[in-house]
Amino acid sequence: MGQVKGRVYDLDFLSFAGYVQVLLEGGAEPFQTSSTRLLRLLQVGLKTGFDTTIWYPDSDCTSPPAALLAVMVEADATVSTKPGYVTMLSFDARTSQGSTNISNKDNGLDTYIVLNPLAQEILEAAMLLNFPTTYLEADSHKQITRVKVNTTGEGS
């Protein structure tokens, strides 16, 4: 499996092909995806300028562009390290599972599993707006069961 890390600078929907073509600084070739969850993370990378890592299958063929397998967006130093801030968000299309790192009160990070696309969208909003999650619940497997973001900073 190949991997490229860079900044997303171009997203191009191609209706005739049925996918979005993706260009990353640091990536020599275009990539493509038709996964909404991968595309949403690529949009976060494009909007924020945060480093984005993509994974794709090893292949000698670049036509059509390689289909993305997974995407990870990592926040930069402009994101607060106060508790509740999303510092990383990823999704792997092969397993239909995402993950996130959220800063905690001990100046560390807690990692959670993101299975539900709606939870991913809330975390994307927090990352895009640089807002903290104000309430988060996870089960015993660290799978997010509830997450809240609002403009007041109040939880529950």
C-alpha atoms as a PDB file:
ATOM      1  CA  MET A   1       0.000   0.000   0.000  1.00  0.00           C
ATOM      2  CA  GLY A   2       1.302   3.440  -0.937  1.00  0.00           C
ATOM      3  CA  GLN A   3       1.116   6.552   1.211  1.00  0.00           C
ATOM      4  CA  VAL A   4       1.486  10.284   0.532  1.00  0.00           C
ATOM      5  CA  LYS A   5       1.414  13.136   3.039  1.00  0.00           C
ATOM      6  CA  GLY A   6       0.833  16.704   1.931  1.00  0.00           C
ATOM      7  CA  ARG A   7      -1.749  19.429   1.636  1.00  0.00           C
ATOM      8  CA  VAL A   8      -4.874  18.995  -0.440  1.00  0.00           C
ATOM      9  CA  TYR A   9      -4.930  21.711  -3.083  1.00  0.00           C
ATOM     10  CA  ASP A  10      -7.384  20.453  -5.678  1.00  0.00           C
ATOM     11  CA  LEU A  11     -10.647  18.507  -5.618  1.00  0.00           C
ATOM     12  CA  ASP A  12     -12.263  17.984  -9.011  1.00  0.00           C
ATOM     13  CA  PHE A  13     -15.623  16.213  -9.491  1.00  0.00           C
ATOM     14  CA  LEU A  14     -15.689  14.361 -12.811  1.00  0.00           C
ATOM     15  CA  SER A  15     -19.243  13.260 -13.595  1.00  0.00           C
ATOM     16  CA  PHE A  16     -18.185  11.184 -16.614  1.00  0.00           C
ATOM     17  CA  ALA A  17     -15.885   9.136 -14.345  1.00  0.00           C
ATOM     18  CA  GLY A  18     -18.148   9.069 -11.280  1.00  0.00           C
ATOM     19  CA  TYR A  19     -15.466  10.178  -8.847  1.00  0.00           C
ATOM     20  CA  VAL A  20     -13.601  13.141  -7.394  1.00  0.00           C
ATOM     21  CA  GLN A  21      -9.998  13.563  -8.485  1.00  0.00           C
ATOM     22  CA  VAL A  22      -7.657  14.609  -5.660  1.00  0.00           C
ATOM     23  CA  LEU A  23      -4.327  16.430  -5.881  1.00  0.00           C
ATOM     24  CA  LEU A  24      -1.943  16.709  -2.937  1.00  0.00           C
ATOM     25  CA  GLU A  25       1.234  18.740  -2.649  1.00  0.00           C
ATOM     26  CA  GLY A  26       3.896  16.077  -2.408  1.00  0.00           C
ATOM     27  CA  GLY A  27       1.867  13.622  -4.461  1.00  0.00           C
ATOM     28  CA  ALA A  28       3.172  13.046  -7.979  1.00  0.00           C
ATOM     29  CA  GLU A  29      -0.044  11.613  -9.387  1.00  0.00           C
ATOM     30  CA  PRO A  30      -3.738  12.387  -9.051  1.00  0.00           C
ATOM     31  CA  PHE A  31      -5.850  10.107  -6.883  1.00  0.00           C
ATOM     32  CA  GLN A  32      -9.591   9.490  -6.891  1.00  0.00           C
ATOM     33  CA  THR A  33     -12.445   8.652  -4.559  1.00  0.00           C
ATOM     34  CA  SER A  34     -16.177   8.161  -4.732  1.00  0.00           C
ATOM     35  CA  SER A  35     -16.440   7.697  -0.950  1.00  0.00           C
ATOM     36  CA  THR A  36     -18.367  10.511   0.713  1.00  0.00           C
ATOM     37  CA  ARG A  37     -16.600   9.958   4.045  1.00  0.00           C
ATOM     38  CA  LEU A  38     -13.151  10.140   2.470  1.00  0.00           C
ATOM     39  CA  LEU A  39     -14.196  13.189   0.450  1.00  0.00           C
ATOM     40  CA  ARG A  40     -15.441  14.990   3.575  1.00  0.00           C
ATOM     41  CA  LEU A  41     -12.028  14.560   5.220  1.00  0.00           C
ATOM     42  CA  LEU A  42     -10.299  15.751   2.041  1.00  0.00           C
ATOM     43  CA  GLN A  43     -12.533  18.845   2.189  1.00  0.00           C
ATOM     44  CA  VAL A  44     -11.433  19.459   5.797  1.00  0.00           C
ATOM     45  CA  GLY A  45      -7.822  19.236   4.613  1.00  0.00           C
ATOM     46  CA  LEU A  46      -8.514  21.612   1.719  1.00  0.00           C
ATOM     47  CA  LYS A  47     -10.363  24.154   3.885  1.00  0.00           C
ATOM     48  CA  THR A  48      -7.886  24.149   6.773  1.00  0.00           C
ATOM     49  CA  GLY A  49      -4.584  23.550   4.986  1.00  0.00           C
ATOM     50  CA  PHE A  50      -3.798  20.845   7.550  1.00  0.00           C
ATOM     51  CA  ASP A  51      -1.472  18.012   6.578  1.00  0.00           C
ATOM     52  CA  THR A  52      -3.421  15.184   5.001  1.00  0.00           C
ATOM     53  CA  THR A  53      -2.151  11.639   4.579  1.00  0.00           C
ATOM     54  CA  ILE A  54      -3.715   9.378   1.982  1.00  0.00           C
ATOM     55  CA  TRP A  55      -3.287   5.648   1.433  1.00  0.00           C
ATOM     56  CA  TYR A  56      -3.815   3.965  -1.913  1.00  0.00           C
ATOM     57  CA  PRO A  57      -3.172   0.518  -3.407  1.00  0.00           C
ATOM     58  CA  ASP A  58       0.239  -0.124  -4.912  1.00  0.00           C
ATOM     59  CA  SER A  59      -0.116  -0.148  -8.680  1.00  0.00           C
ATOM     60  CA  ASP A  60       1.918   0.521 -11.793  1.00  0.00           C
ATOM     61  CA  CYS A  61      -1.155   1.921 -13.505  1.00  0.00           C
ATOM     62  CA  THR A  62      -2.028   5.607 -13.083  1.00  0.00           C
ATOM     63  CA  SER A  63      -4.927   5.650 -15.528  1.00  0.00           C
ATOM     64  CA  PRO A  64      -7.454   5.871 -14.052  1.00  0.00           C
ATOM     65  CA  PRO A  65      -5.967   7.504 -10.939  1.00  0.00           C
ATOM     66  CA  ALA A  66      -5.471   5.212  -7.947  1.00  0.00           C
ATOM     67  CA  ALA A  67      -8.545   4.924  -5.720  1.00  0.00           C
ATOM     68  CA  LEU A  68      -8.010   6.122  -2.161  1.00  0.00           C
ATOM     69  CA  LEU A  69      -8.253   3.554   0.620  1.00  0.00           C
ATOM     70  CA  ALA A  70      -7.932   5.852   3.638  1.00  0.00           C
ATOM     71  CA  VAL A  71      -7.461   9.513   4.604  1.00  0.00           C
ATOM     72  CA  MET A  72      -6.119  11.160   7.771  1.00  0.00           C
ATOM     73  CA  VAL A  73      -6.164  14.901   8.552  1.00  0.00           C
ATOM     74  CA  GLU A  74      -3.841  16.172  11.295  1.00  0.00           C
ATOM     75  CA  ALA A  75      -4.305  19.581  12.876  1.00  0.00           C
ATOM     76  CA  ASP A  76      -1.369  21.948  13.083  1.00  0.00           C
ATOM     77  CA  ALA A  77      -0.108  24.094  15.977  1.00  0.00           C
ATOM     78  CA  THR A  78      -2.918  26.635  15.522  1.00  0.00           C
ATOM     79  CA  VAL A  79      -5.358  24.191  17.129  1.00  0.00           C
ATOM     80  CA  SER A  80      -5.744  24.591  20.863  1.00  0.00           C
ATOM     81  CA  THR A  81      -4.326  21.932  23.147  1.00  0.00           C
ATOM     82  CA  LYS A  82      -7.052  22.637  25.702  1.00  0.00           C
ATOM     83  CA  PRO A  83      -9.338  19.684  26.468  1.00  0.00           C
ATOM     84  CA  GLY A  84     -11.853  18.685  23.817  1.00  0.00           C
ATOM     85  CA  TYR A  85     -10.104  19.841  20.648  1.00  0.00           C
ATOM     86  CA  VAL A  86      -9.897  17.465  17.671  1.00  0.00           C
ATOM     87  CA  THR A  87      -6.269  17.056  16.614  1.00  0.00           C
ATOM     88  CA  MET A  88      -6.654  14.160  14.140  1.00  0.00           C
ATOM     89  CA  LEU A  89      -9.500  12.623  12.191  1.00  0.00           C
ATOM     90  CA  SER A  90      -9.263   9.642   9.856  1.00  0.00           C
ATOM     91  CA  PHE A  91     -11.372   7.180   7.905  1.00  0.00           C
ATOM     92  CA  ASP A  92     -10.485   3.849   6.303  1.00  0.00           C
ATOM     93  CA  ALA A  93     -12.892   2.870   3.510  1.00  0.00           C
ATOM     94  CA  ARG A  94     -11.791  -0.788   3.658  1.00  0.00           C
ATOM     95  CA  THR A  95     -13.077  -1.231   7.219  1.00  0.00           C
ATOM     96  CA  SER A  96     -15.686   1.585   7.228  1.00  0.00           C
ATOM     97  CA  GLN A  97     -14.095   2.781  10.454  1.00  0.00           C
ATOM     98  CA  GLY A  98     -12.692   6.116  11.456  1.00  0.00           C
ATOM     99  CA  SER A  99     -10.681   7.331  14.399  1.00  0.00           C
ATOM    100  CA  THR A 100     -10.020  10.615  16.122  1.00  0.00           C
ATOM    101  CA  ASN A 101      -7.603  12.078  18.634  1.00  0.00           C
ATOM    102  CA  ILE A 102      -9.051  14.585  21.085  1.00  0.00           C
ATOM    103  CA  SER A 103      -6.949  16.571  23.547  1.00  0.00           C
ATOM    104  CA  ASN A 104      -7.600  15.795  27.217  1.00  0.00           C
ATOM    105  CA  LYS A 105      -7.216  17.645  30.526  1.00  0.00           C
ATOM    106  CA  ASP A 106      -3.796  16.033  31.160  1.00  0.00           C
ATOM    107  CA  ASN A 107      -2.288  17.681  28.038  1.00  0.00           C
ATOM    108  CA  GLY A 108      -2.443  14.314  26.288  1.00  0.00           C
ATOM    109  CA  LEU A 109      -4.637  12.781  23.629  1.00  0.00           C
ATOM    110  CA  ASP A 110      -7.480  10.307  23.810  1.00  0.00           C
ATOM    111  CA  THR A 111      -8.112   8.148  20.756  1.00  0.00           C
ATOM    112  CA  TYR A 112     -11.649   7.092  19.843  1.00  0.00           C
ATOM    113  CA  ILE A 113     -13.228   4.951  17.137  1.00  0.00           C
ATOM    114  CA  VAL A 114     -15.702   6.706  14.835  1.00  0.00           C
ATOM    115  CA  LEU A 115     -18.149   4.295  13.194  1.00  0.00           C
ATOM    116  CA  ASN A 116     -21.127   6.556  12.533  1.00  0.00           C
ATOM    117  CA  PRO A 117     -20.857   9.066   9.661  1.00  0.00           C
ATOM    118  CA  LEU A 118     -22.942  11.566  11.645  1.00  0.00           C
ATOM    119  CA  ALA A 119     -20.414  11.504  14.480  1.00  0.00           C
ATOM    120  CA  GLN A 120     -17.652  12.025  11.904  1.00  0.00           C
ATOM    121  CA  GLU A 121     -19.480  15.098  10.577  1.00  0.00           C
ATOM    122  CA  ILE A 122     -19.729  16.627  14.062  1.00  0.00           C
ATOM    123  CA  LEU A 123     -15.998  16.043  14.582  1.00  0.00           C
ATOM    124  CA  GLU A 124     -15.289  17.587  11.169  1.00  0.00           C
ATOM    125  CA  ALA A 125     -17.214  20.708  12.227  1.00  0.00           C
ATOM    126  CA  ALA A 126     -15.188  20.910  15.445  1.00  0.00           C
ATOM    127  CA  MET A 127     -11.952  20.608  13.470  1.00  0.00           C
ATOM    128  CA  LEU A 128     -12.980  23.122  10.798  1.00  0.00           C
ATOM    129  CA  LEU A 129     -14.168  25.723  13.307  1.00  0.00           C
ATOM    130  CA  ASN A 130     -11.455  25.033  15.895  1.00  0.00           C
ATOM    131  CA  PHE A 131     -14.186  24.452  18.492  1.00  0.00           C
ATOM    132  CA  PRO A 132     -13.864  21.931  21.319  1.00  0.00           C
ATOM    133  CA  THR A 133     -16.131  18.967  21.681  1.00  0.00           C
ATOM    134  CA  THR A 134     -18.257  19.981  24.643  1.00  0.00           C
ATOM    135  CA  TYR A 135     -19.563  16.514  25.441  1.00  0.00           C
ATOM    136  CA  LEU A 136     -18.388  13.064  24.395  1.00  0.00           C
ATOM    137  CA  GLU A 137     -19.477   9.551  25.347  1.00  0.00           C
ATOM    138  CA  ALA A 138     -17.839   6.319  24.245  1.00  0.00           C
ATOM    139  CA  ASP A 139     -18.527   2.672  24.979  1.00  0.00           C
ATOM    140  CA  SER A 140     -16.083   0.219  26.539  1.00  0.00           C
ATOM    141  CA  HIS A 141     -14.383  -0.251  23.136  1.00  0.00           C
ATOM    142  CA  LYS A 142     -13.792   3.537  22.835  1.00  0.00           C
ATOM    143  CA  GLN A 143     -16.408   3.797  20.076  1.00  0.00           C
ATOM    144  CA  ILE A 144     -18.059   7.213  20.135  1.00  0.00           C
ATOM    145  CA  THR A 145     -21.740   6.938  21.039  1.00  0.00           C
ATOM    146  CA  ARG A 146     -22.380  10.659  21.510  1.00  0.00           C
ATOM    147  CA  VAL A 147     -20.460  13.792  20.628  1.00  0.00           C
ATOM    148  CA  LYS A 148     -21.499  17.403  20.944  1.00  0.00           C
ATOM    149  CA  VAL A 149     -20.097  20.687  19.622  1.00  0.00           C
ATOM    150  CA  ASN A 150     -21.680  24.076  20.138  1.00  0.00           C
ATOM    151  CA  THR A 151     -20.827  27.753  20.138  1.00  0.00           C
ATOM    152  CA  THR A 152     -21.450  28.201  23.884  1.00  0.00           C
ATOM    153  CA  GLY A 153     -18.828  25.689  25.013  1.00  0.00           C
ATOM    154  CA  GLU A 154     -21.375  24.054  27.325  1.00  0.00           C
ATOM    155  CA  GLY A 155     -21.714  20.284  27.535  1.00  0.00           C
ATOM    156  CA  SER A 156     -24.372  17.676  28.339  1.00  0.00           C
END
